[in-house]
Protein backbone atom coordinates (compact mmCIF):
# COMPACT_ATOMS: atom_id res chain seq x y z
CA MET A 1 -48.88 80.50 -69.28
CA LYS A 2 -52.33 79.08 -68.56
CA ASN A 3 -51.18 75.51 -69.37
CA ASN A 4 -48.26 75.83 -67.01
CA SER A 5 -50.60 76.86 -64.16
CA LYS A 6 -52.77 73.77 -64.71
CA TYR A 7 -49.68 71.60 -64.67
CA ILE A 8 -48.48 73.09 -61.37
CA LYS A 9 -51.92 72.72 -59.77
CA PHE A 10 -52.16 69.11 -60.96
CA THR A 11 -48.67 68.38 -59.62
CA PHE A 12 -49.46 69.83 -56.19
CA LEU A 13 -52.76 67.96 -56.06
CA LEU A 14 -51.05 64.73 -57.01
CA MET A 15 -48.31 65.25 -54.42
CA PHE A 16 -50.93 66.07 -51.79
CA LEU A 17 -52.92 62.93 -52.61
CA MET A 18 -49.78 60.79 -52.39
CA ILE A 19 -48.34 62.29 -49.20
CA ILE A 20 -51.49 62.29 -47.05
CA PRO A 21 -52.13 58.50 -47.20
CA MET A 22 -48.47 57.84 -46.45
CA SER A 23 -48.49 60.11 -43.41
CA ILE A 24 -51.69 58.50 -42.12
CA ASN A 25 -50.16 55.07 -42.64
CA PHE A 26 -47.00 56.01 -40.73
CA THR A 27 -49.04 57.59 -37.94
CA PHE A 28 -51.72 54.97 -37.39
CA GLY A 29 -50.11 51.93 -38.98
CA GLN A 30 -47.55 51.34 -36.26
CA THR A 31 -47.64 47.93 -34.68
CA LEU A 32 -48.23 47.35 -31.01
CA PRO A 33 -45.29 46.53 -28.78
CA PRO A 34 -44.71 42.82 -28.22
CA PRO A 35 -46.52 41.25 -25.29
CA PRO A 36 -44.56 40.60 -22.11
CA PRO A 37 -42.89 37.20 -21.87
CA PRO A 38 -44.78 34.47 -20.05
CA PRO A 39 -43.88 33.94 -16.40
CA GLN A 40 -41.09 31.50 -15.68
CA PRO A 41 -42.28 28.01 -14.75
CA GLY A 42 -42.07 27.07 -11.10
CA VAL A 43 -39.07 25.19 -9.81
CA PRO A 44 -39.74 21.45 -9.80
CA ILE A 45 -39.33 20.30 -6.22
CA ASP A 46 -39.92 16.61 -6.86
CA GLY A 47 -36.38 15.79 -8.02
CA GLY A 48 -34.65 17.61 -5.16
CA ILE A 49 -36.87 16.16 -2.44
CA THR A 50 -36.49 12.66 -3.85
CA LEU A 51 -32.70 12.90 -3.82
CA LEU A 52 -32.74 14.36 -0.32
CA LEU A 53 -34.95 11.57 1.00
CA ALA A 54 -32.80 8.93 -0.72
CA GLY A 55 -29.66 10.44 0.83
CA LEU A 56 -31.27 10.56 4.27
CA GLY A 57 -32.41 6.95 3.90
CA ALA A 58 -28.91 5.85 2.93
CA TYR A 59 -27.40 7.80 5.83
CA GLY A 60 -29.94 6.34 8.26
CA ALA A 61 -29.31 2.81 6.96
CA LYS A 62 -25.55 3.30 7.40
CA LYS A 63 -26.07 4.51 10.98
CA ILE A 64 -28.29 1.50 11.78
CA PHE A 65 -25.82 -1.01 10.33
CA THR A 66 -22.82 0.60 12.08
CA LYS A 67 -24.66 0.51 15.44
CA LYS A 68 -25.45 -3.17 14.97
CA GLU A 69 -21.78 -3.89 14.32
CA ASP A 70 -20.67 -2.16 17.56
């Protein structure tokens, strides 16, 4: 009976020593949440303004040439 008691104590000690590090790892070993995404880049205004100015120039040139014809 004495041998059986040592075996049970050893088993509980071994289980205790195996469970505690796992529980600490699960508790403190969690990763941080991912960082927020970077802000969206600003809208490039160069392309739109260039096309608008080109359209206005073409419209103005058409108006000038049609006035000269009249």
